[in-house]
């Protein structure tokens, strides 16, 4: 090796990853980084290691960005993986709760003060 770095016993710090995507038809679910994903089923015996990991993690809703980070997979790979899982009804995806849709804080405080007076 001319780079001056040594690797022990053929150990590679950044191994190349290969991803097997089944039934790639080019159609992806409309997912973005903040879409929330929650598991709907247990991992079937035919599930890939990544699918099993997603199902374990998503007992409580996680964003696609969090799934991507926890699996150390690129967003594009995670969207394909989640598209397959959505089609198989293993997970459910929904848009996050938008803060604008929540009631105004002043309204909530007025209701709270009114209830305290009762």
PDB file of N, CA and C in Angstrom:
ATOM      1  N   UNK A   1       0.833  -1.186   0.000  1.00  0.00           N
ATOM      2  CA  UNK A   1       0.000   0.000   0.000  1.00  0.00           C
ATOM      3  C   UNK A   1       0.871   1.241   0.000  1.00  0.00           C
ATOM      4  N   UNK A   2       0.597   2.126  -0.885  1.00  0.00           N
ATOM      5  CA  UNK A   2       1.398   3.331  -0.972  1.00  0.00           C
ATOM      6  C   UNK A   2       0.777   4.492  -0.228  1.00  0.00           C
ATOM      7  N   UNK A   3      -0.427   4.344   0.308  1.00  0.00           N
ATOM      8  CA  UNK A   3      -1.096   5.456   0.967  1.00  0.00           C
ATOM      9  C   UNK A   3      -0.590   5.689   2.375  1.00  0.00           C
ATOM     10  N   UNK A   4       0.157   4.741   2.928  1.00  0.00           N
ATOM     11  CA  UNK A   4       0.713   4.934   4.253  1.00  0.00           C
ATOM     12  C   UNK A   4      -0.249   4.511   5.362  1.00  0.00           C
ATOM     13  N   UNK A   5      -1.451   4.097   5.039  1.00  0.00           N
ATOM     14  CA  UNK A   5      -2.376   3.638   6.067  1.00  0.00           C
ATOM     15  C   UNK A   5      -2.301   2.132   6.144  1.00  0.00           C
ATOM     16  N   UNK A   6      -2.445   1.609   7.331  1.00  0.00           N
ATOM     17  CA  UNK A   6      -2.392   0.163   7.481  1.00  0.00           C
ATOM     18  C   UNK A   6      -3.766  -0.363   7.850  1.00  0.00           C
ATOM     19  N   UNK A   7      -4.080  -1.515   7.316  1.00  0.00           N
ATOM     20  CA  UNK A   7      -5.342  -2.178   7.625  1.00  0.00           C
ATOM     21  C   UNK A   7      -5.011  -3.527   8.233  1.00  0.00           C
ATOM     22  N   UNK A   8      -5.650  -3.851   9.334  1.00  0.00           N
ATOM     23  CA  UNK A   8      -5.390  -5.107  10.019  1.00  0.00           C
ATOM     24  C   UNK A   8      -6.228  -6.223   9.410  1.00  0.00           C
ATOM     25  N   UNK A   9      -5.578  -7.287   9.055  1.00  0.00           N
ATOM     26  CA  UNK A   9      -6.245  -8.506   8.581  1.00  0.00           C
ATOM     27  C   UNK A   9      -7.313  -8.243   7.527  1.00  0.00           C
ATOM     28  N   UNK A  10      -7.059  -7.346   6.605  1.00  0.00           N
ATOM     29  CA  UNK A  10      -7.997  -7.078   5.529  1.00  0.00           C
ATOM     30  C   UNK A  10      -9.224  -6.291   5.968  1.00  0.00           C
ATOM     31  N   UNK A  11      -9.186  -5.747   7.173  1.00  0.00           N
ATOM     32  CA  UNK A  11     -10.325  -4.989   7.699  1.00  0.00           C
ATOM     33  C   UNK A  11     -10.416  -3.659   6.967  1.00  0.00           C
ATOM     34  N   UNK A  12     -11.580  -3.325   6.447  1.00  0.00           N
ATOM     35  CA  UNK A  12     -11.781  -2.084   5.721  1.00  0.00           C
ATOM     36  C   UNK A  12     -12.698  -1.198   6.543  1.00  0.00           C
ATOM     37  N   UNK A  13     -12.278   0.032   6.803  1.00  0.00           N
ATOM     38  CA  UNK A  13     -13.065   0.925   7.646  1.00  0.00           C
ATOM     39  C   UNK A  13     -14.353   1.367   6.979  1.00  0.00           C
ATOM     40  N   UNK A  14     -14.384   1.482   5.686  1.00  0.00           N
ATOM     41  CA  UNK A  14     -15.580   1.886   4.947  1.00  0.00           C
ATOM     42  C   UNK A  14     -15.878   0.867   3.863  1.00  0.00           C
ATOM     43  N   UNK A  15     -16.453  -0.265   4.252  1.00  0.00           N
ATOM     44  CA  UNK A  15     -16.721  -1.284   3.232  1.00  0.00           C
ATOM     45  C   UNK A  15     -17.786  -0.806   2.258  1.00  0.00           C
ATOM     46  N   UNK A  16     -17.651  -1.256   1.023  1.00  0.00           N
ATOM     47  CA  UNK A  16     -18.644  -0.907   0.011  1.00  0.00           C
ATOM     48  C   UNK A  16     -19.915  -1.684   0.301  1.00  0.00           C
ATOM     49  N   UNK A  17     -21.050  -0.993   0.223  1.00  0.00           N
ATOM     50  CA  UNK A  17     -22.327  -1.647   0.492  1.00  0.00           C
ATOM     51  C   UNK A  17     -23.049  -1.914  -0.809  1.00  0.00           C
ATOM     52  N   UNK A  18     -23.726  -3.037  -0.831  1.00  0.00           N
ATOM     53  CA  UNK A  18     -24.568  -3.380  -1.969  1.00  0.00           C
ATOM     54  C   UNK A  18     -25.989  -3.512  -1.453  1.00  0.00           C
ATOM     55  N   UNK A  19     -26.932  -2.947  -2.173  1.00  0.00           N
ATOM     56  CA  UNK A  19     -28.319  -2.970  -1.757  1.00  0.00           C
ATOM     57  C   UNK A  19     -29.125  -3.764  -2.764  1.00  0.00           C
ATOM     58  N   UNK A  20     -29.911  -4.689  -2.270  1.00  0.00           N
ATOM     59  CA  UNK A  20     -30.781  -5.475  -3.132  1.00  0.00           C
ATOM     60  C   UNK A  20     -32.192  -4.952  -2.942  1.00  0.00           C
ATOM     61  N   UNK A  21     -32.746  -4.435  -4.007  1.00  0.00           N
ATOM     62  CA  UNK A  21     -34.094  -3.884  -3.972  1.00  0.00           C
ATOM     63  C   UNK A  21     -34.961  -4.789  -4.830  1.00  0.00           C
ATOM     64  N   UNK A  22     -36.003  -5.338  -4.227  1.00  0.00           N
ATOM     65  CA  UNK A  22     -36.881  -6.230  -4.979  1.00  0.00           C
ATOM     66  C   UNK A  22     -37.994  -5.448  -5.646  1.00  0.00           C
ATOM     67  N   UNK A  23     -38.478  -5.981  -6.746  1.00  0.00           N
ATOM     68  CA  UNK A  23     -39.597  -5.421  -7.481  1.00  0.00           C
ATOM     69  C   UNK A  23     -39.442  -3.917  -7.751  1.00  0.00           C
ATOM     70  N   UNK A  24     -38.310  -3.505  -8.217  1.00  0.00           N
ATOM     71  CA  UNK A  24     -38.070  -2.087  -8.497  1.00  0.00           C
ATOM     72  C   UNK A  24     -38.829  -1.681  -9.750  1.00  0.00           C
ATOM     73  N   UNK A  25     -39.932  -0.976  -9.576  1.00  0.00           N
ATOM     74  CA  UNK A  25     -40.711  -0.520 -10.718  1.00  0.00           C
ATOM     75  C   UNK A  25     -40.538   0.969 -10.972  1.00  0.00           C
ATOM     76  N   UNK A  26     -39.679   1.610 -10.188  1.00  0.00           N
ATOM     77  CA  UNK A  26     -39.413   3.026 -10.386  1.00  0.00           C
ATOM     78  C   UNK A  26     -40.358   3.937  -9.630  1.00  0.00           C
ATOM     79  N   UNK A  27     -41.472   3.415  -9.144  1.00  0.00           N
ATOM     80  CA  UNK A  27     -42.434   4.220  -8.405  1.00  0.00           C
ATOM     81  C   UNK A  27     -42.027   4.259  -6.936  1.00  0.00           C
ATOM     82  N   UNK A  28     -41.931   5.465  -6.394  1.00  0.00           N
ATOM     83  CA  UNK A  28     -41.618   5.612  -4.980  1.00  0.00           C
ATOM     84  C   UNK A  28     -42.768   6.318  -4.281  1.00  0.00           C
ATOM     85  N   UNK A  29     -42.940   5.976  -3.033  1.00  0.00           N
ATOM     86  CA  UNK A  29     -43.952   6.653  -2.226  1.00  0.00           C
ATOM     87  C   UNK A  29     -43.514   8.107  -2.026  1.00  0.00           C
ATOM     88  N   UNK A  30     -44.466   9.018  -1.906  1.00  0.00           N
ATOM     89  CA  UNK A  30     -44.112  10.437  -1.710  1.00  0.00           C
ATOM     90  C   UNK A  30     -43.641  10.700  -0.283  1.00  0.00           C
ATOM     91  N   UNK A  31     -42.399  10.363  -0.010  1.00  0.00           N
ATOM     92  CA  UNK A  31     -41.822  10.530   1.322  1.00  0.00           C
ATOM     93  C   UNK A  31     -40.837  11.686   1.307  1.00  0.00           C
ATOM     94  N   UNK A  32     -40.800  12.434   2.402  1.00  0.00           N
ATOM     95  CA  UNK A  32     -39.748  13.429   2.560  1.00  0.00           C
ATOM     96  C   UNK A  32     -39.071  13.190   3.909  1.00  0.00           C
ATOM     97  N   UNK A  33     -38.136  14.022   4.271  1.00  0.00           N
ATOM     98  CA  UNK A  33     -37.342  13.790   5.477  1.00  0.00           C
ATOM     99  C   UNK A  33     -38.156  13.805   6.761  1.00  0.00           C
ATOM    100  N   UNK A  34     -39.265  14.556   6.780  1.00  0.00           N
ATOM    101  CA  UNK A  34     -40.046  14.686   8.013  1.00  0.00           C
ATOM    102  C   UNK A  34     -41.272  13.784   8.061  1.00  0.00           C
ATOM    103  N   UNK A  35     -41.498  12.977   7.023  1.00  0.00           N
ATOM    104  CA  UNK A  35     -42.606  12.025   7.035  1.00  0.00           C
ATOM    105  C   UNK A  35     -42.391  11.054   8.191  1.00  0.00           C
ATOM    106  N   UNK A  36     -43.441  10.804   8.956  1.00  0.00           N
ATOM    107  CA  UNK A  36     -43.343   9.898  10.096  1.00  0.00           C
ATOM    108  C   UNK A  36     -43.709   8.481   9.675  1.00  0.00           C
ATOM    109  N   UNK A  37     -42.937   7.527  10.162  1.00  0.00           N
ATOM    110  CA  UNK A  37     -43.120   6.113   9.826  1.00  0.00           C
ATOM    111  C   UNK A  37     -43.352   5.354  11.120  1.00  0.00           C
ATOM    112  N   UNK A  38     -44.366   4.475  11.114  1.00  0.00           N
ATOM    113  CA  UNK A  38     -44.652   3.637  12.280  1.00  0.00           C
ATOM    114  C   UNK A  38     -44.927   2.216  11.802  1.00  0.00           C
ATOM    115  N   UNK A  39     -44.440   1.242  12.569  1.00  0.00           N
ATOM    116  CA  UNK A  39     -44.611  -0.168  12.215  1.00  0.00           C
ATOM    117  C   UNK A  39     -46.070  -0.577  12.374  1.00  0.00           C
ATOM    118  N   UNK A  40     -46.536  -1.423  11.449  1.00  0.00           N
ATOM    119  CA  UNK A  40     -47.900  -1.951  11.511  1.00  0.00           C
ATOM    120  C   UNK A  40     -47.914  -3.452  11.748  1.00  0.00           C
ATOM    121  N   UNK A  41     -46.761  -4.090  11.627  1.00  0.00           N
ATOM    122  CA  UNK A  41     -46.707  -5.548  11.731  1.00  0.00           C
ATOM    123  C   UNK A  41     -45.354  -5.975  12.286  1.00  0.00           C
ATOM    124  N   UNK A  42     -45.278  -7.237  12.661  1.00  0.00           N
ATOM    125  CA  UNK A  42     -44.007  -7.833  13.058  1.00  0.00           C
ATOM    126  C   UNK A  42     -43.238  -8.194  11.791  1.00  0.00           C
ATOM    127  N   UNK A  43     -41.933  -8.316  11.922  1.00  0.00           N
ATOM    128  CA  UNK A  43     -41.100  -8.657  10.771  1.00  0.00           C
ATOM    129  C   UNK A  43     -41.396 -10.084  10.314  1.00  0.00           C
ATOM    130  N   UNK A  44     -41.768 -10.254   9.033  1.00  0.00           N
ATOM    131  CA  UNK A  44     -41.966 -11.613   8.520  1.00  0.00           C
ATOM    132  C   UNK A  44     -40.615 -12.309   8.369  1.00  0.00           C
ATOM    133  N   UNK A  45     -40.640 -13.624   8.251  1.00  0.00           N
ATOM    134  CA  UNK A  45     -39.390 -14.383   8.122  1.00  0.00           C
ATOM    135  C   UNK A  45     -38.641 -14.025   6.839  1.00  0.00           C
ATOM    136  N   UNK A  46     -39.355 -13.516   5.853  1.00  0.00           N
ATOM    137  CA  UNK A  46     -38.725 -13.151   4.580  1.00  0.00           C
ATOM    138  C   UNK A  46     -38.159 -11.736   4.579  1.00  0.00           C
ATOM    139  N   UNK A  47     -38.283 -11.020   5.686  1.00  0.00           N
ATOM    140  CA  UNK A  47     -37.825  -9.629   5.747  1.00  0.00           C
ATOM    141  C   UNK A  47     -36.304  -9.548   5.689  1.00  0.00           C
ATOM    142  N   UNK A  48     -35.828  -8.504   5.011  1.00  0.00           N
ATOM    143  CA  UNK A  48     -34.388  -8.255   4.966  1.00  0.00           C
ATOM    144  C   UNK A  48     -33.941  -7.716   6.325  1.00  0.00           C
ATOM    145  N   UNK A  49     -32.642  -7.729   6.593  1.00  0.00           N
ATOM    146  CA  UNK A  49     -32.159  -7.179   7.864  1.00  0.00           C
ATOM    147  C   UNK A  49     -32.562  -5.705   8.043  1.00  0.00           C
ATOM    148  N   UNK A  50     -32.533  -4.942   6.947  1.00  0.00           N
ATOM    149  CA  UNK A  50     -32.926  -3.530   7.032  1.00  0.00           C
ATOM    150  C   UNK A  50     -34.410  -3.392   7.357  1.00  0.00           C
ATOM    151  N   UNK A  51     -35.251  -4.212   6.736  1.00  0.00           N
ATOM    152  CA  UNK A  51     -36.683  -4.162   7.018  1.00  0.00           C
ATOM    153  C   UNK A  51     -36.955  -4.538   8.473  1.00  0.00           C
ATOM    154  N   UNK A  52     -36.282  -5.553   8.966  1.00  0.00           N
ATOM    155  CA  UNK A  52     -36.446  -5.960  10.365  1.00  0.00           C
ATOM    156  C   UNK A  52     -36.024  -4.840  11.306  1.00  0.00           C
ATOM    157  N   UNK A  53     -34.934  -4.162  10.974  1.00  0.00           N
ATOM    158  CA  UNK A  53     -34.460  -3.057  11.805  1.00  0.00           C
ATOM    159  C   UNK A  53     -35.468  -1.911  11.816  1.00  0.00           C
ATOM    160  N   UNK A  54     -36.042  -1.597  10.657  1.00  0.00           N
ATOM    161  CA  UNK A  54     -37.044  -0.524  10.584  1.00  0.00           C
ATOM    162  C   UNK A  54     -38.249  -0.882  11.448  1.00  0.00           C
ATOM    163  N   UNK A  55     -38.701  -2.109  11.366  1.00  0.00           N
ATOM    164  CA  UNK A  55     -39.868  -2.522  12.145  1.00  0.00           C
ATOM    165  C   UNK A  55     -39.594  -2.490  13.647  1.00  0.00           C
ATOM    166  N   UNK A  56     -38.379  -2.838  14.059  1.00  0.00           N
ATOM    167  CA  UNK A  56     -38.022  -2.754  15.481  1.00  0.00           C
ATOM    168  C   UNK A  56     -37.976  -1.302  15.942  1.00  0.00           C
ATOM    169  N   UNK A  57     -37.381  -0.432  15.136  1.00  0.00           N
ATOM    170  CA  UNK A  57     -37.217   0.979  15.507  1.00  0.00           C
ATOM    171  C   UNK A  57     -38.527   1.747  15.531  1.00  0.00           C
ATOM    172  N   UNK A  58     -39.423   1.397  14.634  1.00  0.00           N
ATOM    173  CA  UNK A  58     -40.614   2.213  14.409  1.00  0.00           C
ATOM    174  C   UNK A  58     -41.827   1.738  15.199  1.00  0.00           C
ATOM    175  N   UNK A  59     -41.611   1.203  16.389  1.00  0.00           N
ATOM    176  CA  UNK A  59     -42.718   0.916  17.279  1.00  0.00           C
ATOM    177  C   UNK A  59     -43.413   2.223  17.652  1.00  0.00           C
ATOM    178  N   UNK A  60     -42.632   3.260  17.804  1.00  0.00           N
ATOM    179  CA  UNK A  60     -43.122   4.631  17.967  1.00  0.00           C
ATOM    180  C   UNK A  60     -42.732   5.374  16.690  1.00  0.00           C
ATOM    181  N   UNK A  61     -43.517   6.360  16.284  1.00  0.00           N
ATOM    182  CA  UNK A  61     -43.215   7.053  15.014  1.00  0.00           C
ATOM    183  C   UNK A  61     -41.820   7.665  14.979  1.00  0.00           C
ATOM    184  N   UNK A  62     -41.143   7.460  13.860  1.00  0.00           N
ATOM    185  CA  UNK A  62     -39.842   8.075  13.588  1.00  0.00           C
ATOM    186  C   UNK A  62     -39.916   8.741  12.219  1.00  0.00           C
ATOM    187  N   UNK A  63     -39.168   9.816  12.056  1.00  0.00           N
ATOM    188  CA  UNK A  63     -39.122  10.466  10.747  1.00  0.00           C
ATOM    189  C   UNK A  63     -38.237   9.657   9.813  1.00  0.00           C
ATOM    190  N   UNK A  64     -38.430   9.860   8.521  1.00  0.00           N
ATOM    191  CA  UNK A  64     -37.601   9.181   7.520  1.00  0.00           C
ATOM    192  C   UNK A  64     -36.137   9.572   7.723  1.00  0.00           C
ATOM    193  N   UNK A  65     -35.883  10.811   8.101  1.00  0.00           N
ATOM    194  CA  UNK A  65     -34.508  11.256   8.360  1.00  0.00           C
ATOM    195  C   UNK A  65     -33.890  10.472   9.507  1.00  0.00           C
ATOM    196  N   UNK A  66     -34.666  10.210  10.564  1.00  0.00           N
ATOM    197  CA  UNK A  66     -34.147   9.436  11.688  1.00  0.00           C
ATOM    198  C   UNK A  66     -33.877   7.990  11.282  1.00  0.00           C
ATOM    199  N   UNK A  67     -34.780   7.401  10.520  1.00  0.00           N
ATOM    200  CA  UNK A  67     -34.579   6.031  10.041  1.00  0.00           C
ATOM    201  C   UNK A  67     -33.294   5.964   9.215  1.00  0.00           C
ATOM    202  N   UNK A  68     -33.126   6.932   8.328  1.00  0.00           N
ATOM    203  CA  UNK A  68     -31.936   6.989   7.480  1.00  0.00           C
ATOM    204  C   UNK A  68     -30.672   7.089   8.334  1.00  0.00           C
ATOM    205  N   UNK A  69     -30.705   7.944   9.347  1.00  0.00           N
ATOM    206  CA  UNK A  69     -29.527   8.133  10.204  1.00  0.00           C
ATOM    207  C   UNK A  69     -29.237   6.890  11.031  1.00  0.00           C
ATOM    208  N   UNK A  70     -30.263   6.290  11.635  1.00  0.00           N
ATOM    209  CA  UNK A  70     -30.051   5.112  12.474  1.00  0.00           C
ATOM    210  C   UNK A  70     -29.540   3.918  11.671  1.00  0.00           C
ATOM    211  N   UNK A  71     -29.981   3.790  10.433  1.00  0.00           N
ATOM    212  CA  UNK A  71     -29.529   2.683   9.590  1.00  0.00           C
ATOM    213  C   UNK A  71     -28.236   2.996   8.844  1.00  0.00           C
ATOM    214  N   UNK A  72     -27.807   4.239   8.902  1.00  0.00           N
ATOM    215  CA  UNK A  72     -26.620   4.697   8.151  1.00  0.00           C
ATOM    216  C   UNK A  72     -26.774   4.402   6.666  1.00  0.00           C
ATOM    217  N   UNK A  73     -27.981   4.666   6.157  1.00  0.00           N
ATOM    218  CA  UNK A  73     -28.278   4.478   4.738  1.00  0.00           C
ATOM    219  C   UNK A  73     -28.665   5.809   4.125  1.00  0.00           C
ATOM    220  N   UNK A  74     -28.344   6.018   2.855  1.00  0.00           N
ATOM    221  CA  UNK A  74     -28.734   7.257   2.182  1.00  0.00           C
ATOM    222  C   UNK A  74     -30.262   7.383   2.111  1.00  0.00           C
ATOM    223  N   UNK A  75     -30.744   8.617   2.093  1.00  0.00           N
ATOM    224  CA  UNK A  75     -32.180   8.903   2.027  1.00  0.00           C
ATOM    225  C   UNK A  75     -32.824   8.187   0.847  1.00  0.00           C
ATOM    226  N   UNK A  76     -32.171   8.190  -0.309  1.00  0.00           N
ATOM    227  CA  UNK A  76     -32.752   7.567  -1.506  1.00  0.00           C
ATOM    228  C   UNK A  76     -32.963   6.069  -1.315  1.00  0.00           C
ATOM    229  N   UNK A  77     -32.034   5.404  -0.640  1.00  0.00           N
ATOM    230  CA  UNK A  77     -32.162   3.972  -0.385  1.00  0.00           C
ATOM    231  C   UNK A  77     -33.294   3.724   0.612  1.00  0.00           C
ATOM    232  N   UNK A  78     -33.391   4.565   1.633  1.00  0.00           N
ATOM    233  CA  UNK A  78     -34.440   4.411   2.639  1.00  0.00           C
ATOM    234  C   UNK A  78     -35.822   4.628   2.026  1.00  0.00           C
ATOM    235  N   UNK A  79     -35.950   5.575   1.091  1.00  0.00           N
ATOM    236  CA  UNK A  79     -37.262   5.788   0.470  1.00  0.00           C
ATOM    237  C   UNK A  79     -37.688   4.575  -0.348  1.00  0.00           C
ATOM    238  N   UNK A  80     -36.760   3.926  -1.022  1.00  0.00           N
ATOM    239  CA  UNK A  80     -37.086   2.711  -1.778  1.00  0.00           C
ATOM    240  C   UNK A  80     -37.469   1.595  -0.803  1.00  0.00           C
ATOM    241  N   UNK A  81     -36.702   1.443   0.255  1.00  0.00           N
ATOM    242  CA  UNK A  81     -36.987   0.433   1.267  1.00  0.00           C
ATOM    243  C   UNK A  81     -38.371   0.655   1.887  1.00  0.00           C
ATOM    244  N   UNK A  82     -38.668   1.898   2.250  1.00  0.00           N
ATOM    245  CA  UNK A  82     -39.964   2.201   2.858  1.00  0.00           C
ATOM    246  C   UNK A  82     -41.112   2.065   1.859  1.00  0.00           C
ATOM    247  N   UNK A  83     -40.858   2.358   0.596  1.00  0.00           N
ATOM    248  CA  UNK A  83     -41.890   2.170  -0.428  1.00  0.00           C
ATOM    249  C   UNK A  83     -42.289   0.700  -0.501  1.00  0.00           C
ATOM    250  N   UNK A  84     -41.301  -0.196  -0.482  1.00  0.00           N
ATOM    251  CA  UNK A  84     -41.582  -1.630  -0.477  1.00  0.00           C
ATOM    252  C   UNK A  84     -42.365  -2.026   0.767  1.00  0.00           C
ATOM    253  N   UNK A  85     -41.978  -1.469   1.911  1.00  0.00           N
ATOM    254  CA  UNK A  85     -42.627  -1.821   3.165  1.00  0.00           C
ATOM    255  C   UNK A  85     -44.051  -1.266   3.228  1.00  0.00           C
ATOM    256  N   UNK A  86     -44.270  -0.095   2.636  1.00  0.00           N
ATOM    257  CA  UNK A  86     -45.625   0.461   2.570  1.00  0.00           C
ATOM    258  C   UNK A  86     -46.513  -0.409   1.693  1.00  0.00           C
ATOM    259  N   UNK A  87     -45.986  -0.870   0.570  1.00  0.00           N
ATOM    260  CA  UNK A  87     -46.751  -1.728  -0.341  1.00  0.00           C
ATOM    261  C   UNK A  87     -47.114  -3.052   0.328  1.00  0.00           C
ATOM    262  N   UNK A  88     -46.226  -3.556   1.171  1.00  0.00           N
ATOM    263  CA  UNK A  88     -46.475  -4.807   1.882  1.00  0.00           C
ATOM    264  C   UNK A  88     -47.278  -4.587   3.171  1.00  0.00           C
ATOM    265  N   UNK A  89     -47.637  -3.343   3.440  1.00  0.00           N
ATOM    266  CA  UNK A  89     -48.397  -2.943   4.632  1.00  0.00           C
ATOM    267  C   UNK A  89     -47.695  -3.318   5.928  1.00  0.00           C
ATOM    268  N   UNK A  90     -46.358  -3.244   5.913  1.00  0.00           N
ATOM    269  CA  UNK A  90     -45.574  -3.479   7.121  1.00  0.00           C
ATOM    270  C   UNK A  90     -45.443  -2.209   7.947  1.00  0.00           C
ATOM    271  N   UNK A  91     -45.480  -1.057   7.276  1.00  0.00           N
ATOM    272  CA  UNK A  91     -45.381   0.237   7.954  1.00  0.00           C
ATOM    273  C   UNK A  91     -46.474   1.167   7.442  1.00  0.00           C
ATOM    274  N   UNK A  92     -46.681   2.214   8.195  1.00  0.00           N
ATOM    275  CA  UNK A  92     -47.620   3.263   7.807  1.00  0.00           C
ATOM    276  C   UNK A  92     -46.850   4.571   7.838  1.00  0.00           C
ATOM    277  N   UNK A  93     -47.121   5.441   6.884  1.00  0.00           N
ATOM    278  CA  UNK A  93     -46.449   6.742   6.821  1.00  0.00           C
ATOM    279  C   UNK A  93     -47.504   7.830   6.876  1.00  0.00           C
ATOM    280  N   UNK A  94     -47.163   8.918   7.570  1.00  0.00           N
ATOM    281  CA  UNK A  94     -48.075  10.053   7.624  1.00  0.00           C
ATOM    282  C   UNK A  94     -47.261  11.335   7.740  1.00  0.00           C
ATOM    283  N   UNK A  95     -47.895  12.405   7.342  1.00  0.00           N
ATOM    284  CA  UNK A  95     -47.237  13.707   7.447  1.00  0.00           C
ATOM    285  C   UNK A  95     -47.121  14.086   8.922  1.00  0.00           C
ATOM    286  N   UNK A  96     -46.098  14.836   9.272  1.00  0.00           N
ATOM    287  CA  UNK A  96     -45.962  15.252  10.670  1.00  0.00           C
ATOM    288  C   UNK A  96     -47.042  16.261  11.034  1.00  0.00           C
ATOM    289  N   UNK A  97     -47.268  16.419  12.326  1.00  0.00           N
ATOM    290  CA  UNK A  97     -48.219  17.424  12.789  1.00  0.00           C
ATOM    291  C   UNK A  97     -47.576  18.791  12.581  1.00  0.00           C
ATOM    292  N   UNK A  98     -48.263  19.611  11.829  1.00  0.00           N
ATOM    293  CA  UNK A  98     -47.734  20.939  11.530  1.00  0.00           C
ATOM    294  C   UNK A  98     -48.115  21.876  12.665  1.00  0.00           C
ATOM    295  N   UNK A  99     -47.150  22.597  13.169  1.00  0.00           N
ATOM    296  CA  UNK A  99     -47.367  23.476  14.307  1.00  0.00           C
ATOM    297  C   UNK A  99     -48.444  24.521  14.028  1.00  0.00           C
ATOM    298  N   UNK A 100     -48.584  24.951  12.785  1.00  0.00           N
ATOM    299  CA  UNK A 100     -49.573  25.962  12.436  1.00  0.00           C
ATOM    300  C   UNK A 100     -50.996  25.465  12.681  1.00  0.00           C
ATOM    301  N   UNK A 101     -51.217  24.174  12.631  1.00  0.00           N
ATOM    302  CA  UNK A 101     -52.552  23.628  12.815  1.00  0.00           C
ATOM    303  C   UNK A 101     -52.952  23.526  14.276  1.00  0.00           C
ATOM    304  N   UNK A 102     -52.020  23.758  15.198  1.00  0.00           N
ATOM    305  CA  UNK A 102     -52.339  23.722  16.609  1.00  0.00           C
ATOM    306  C   UNK A 102     -52.991  25.042  17.020  1.00  0.00           C
ATOM    307  N   UNK A 103     -53.845  25.014  18.051  1.00  0.00           N
ATOM    308  CA  UNK A 103     -54.489  26.263  18.504  1.00  0.00           C
ATOM    309  C   UNK A 103     -53.461  27.282  18.980  1.00  0.00           C
ATOM    310  N   UNK A 104     -53.852  28.534  18.893  1.00  0.00           N
ATOM    311  CA  UNK A 104     -53.000  29.627  19.334  1.00  0.00           C
ATOM    312  C   UNK A 104     -52.759  29.515  20.841  1.00  0.00           C
ATOM    313  N   UNK A 105     -51.557  29.799  21.279  1.00  0.00           N
ATOM    314  CA  UNK A 105     -51.197  29.698  22.697  1.00  0.00           C
ATOM    315  C   UNK A 105     -52.074  30.596  23.557  1.00  0.00           C
ATOM    316  N   UNK A 106     -52.374  31.796  23.093  1.00  0.00           N
ATOM    317  CA  UNK A 106     -53.198  32.720  23.886  1.00  0.00           C
ATOM    318  C   UNK A 106     -54.603  32.154  24.095  1.00  0.00           C
ATOM    319  N   UNK A 107     -55.127  31.454  23.093  1.00  0.00           N
ATOM    320  CA  UNK A 107     -56.436  30.825  23.232  1.00  0.00           C
ATOM    321  C   UNK A 107     -56.387  29.723  24.285  1.00  0.00           C
ATOM    322  N   UNK A 108     -55.348  28.912  24.253  1.00  0.00           N
ATOM    323  CA  UNK A 108     -55.201  27.852  25.243  1.00  0.00           C
ATOM    324  C   UNK A 108     -55.070  28.418  26.654  1.00  0.00           C
ATOM    325  N   UNK A 109     -54.316  29.506  26.805  1.00  0.00           N
ATOM    326  CA  UNK A 109     -54.166  30.130  28.117  1.00  0.00           C
ATOM    327  C   UNK A 109     -55.495  30.689  28.612  1.00  0.00           C
ATOM    328  N   UNK A 110     -56.286  31.295  27.721  1.00  0.00           N
ATOM    329  CA  UNK A 110     -57.590  31.836  28.097  1.00  0.00           C
ATOM    330  C   UNK A 110     -58.515  30.719  28.565  1.00  0.00           C
ATOM    331  N   UNK A 111     -58.498  29.578  27.864  1.00  0.00           N
ATOM    332  CA  UNK A 111     -59.320  28.434  28.271  1.00  0.00           C
ATOM    333  C   UNK A 111     -58.859  27.903  29.622  1.00  0.00           C
ATOM    334  N   UNK A 112     -57.544  27.810  29.808  1.00  0.00           N
ATOM    335  CA  UNK A 112     -57.002  27.321  31.065  1.00  0.00           C
ATOM    336  C   UNK A 112     -57.403  28.229  32.226  1.00  0.00           C
ATOM    337  N   UNK A 113     -57.296  29.534  32.045  1.00  0.00           N
ATOM    338  CA  UNK A 113     -57.668  30.482  33.105  1.00  0.00           C
ATOM    339  C   UNK A 113     -59.164  30.402  33.387  1.00  0.00           C
ATOM    340  N   UNK A 114     -59.965  30.228  32.355  1.00  0.00           N
ATOM    341  CA  UNK A 114     -61.405  30.090  32.546  1.00  0.00           C
ATOM    342  C   UNK A 114     -61.755  28.841  33.336  1.00  0.00           C
ATOM    343  N   UNK A 115     -61.054  27.746  33.063  1.00  0.00           N
ATOM    344  CA  UNK A 115     -61.302  26.505  33.802  1.00  0.00           C
ATOM    345  C   UNK A 115     -60.846  26.617  35.252  1.00  0.00           C
ATOM    346  N   UNK A 116     -59.765  27.354  35.492  1.00  0.00           N
ATOM    347  CA  UNK A 116     -59.276  27.530  36.857  1.00  0.00           C
ATOM    348  C   UNK A 116     -60.254  28.336  37.712  1.00  0.00           C
ATOM    349  N   UNK A 117     -61.000  29.219  37.081  1.00  0.00           N
ATOM    350  CA  UNK A 117     -61.968  30.042  37.813  1.00  0.00           C
ATOM    351  C   UNK A 117     -63.212  29.272  38.224  1.00  0.00           C
ATOM    352  N   UNK A 118     -63.450  28.144  37.603  1.00  0.00           N
ATOM    353  CA  UNK A 118     -64.662  27.349  37.913  1.00  0.00           C
ATOM    354  C   UNK A 118     -64.608  26.726  39.260  1.00  0.00           C
TER     355      UNK A 118
END
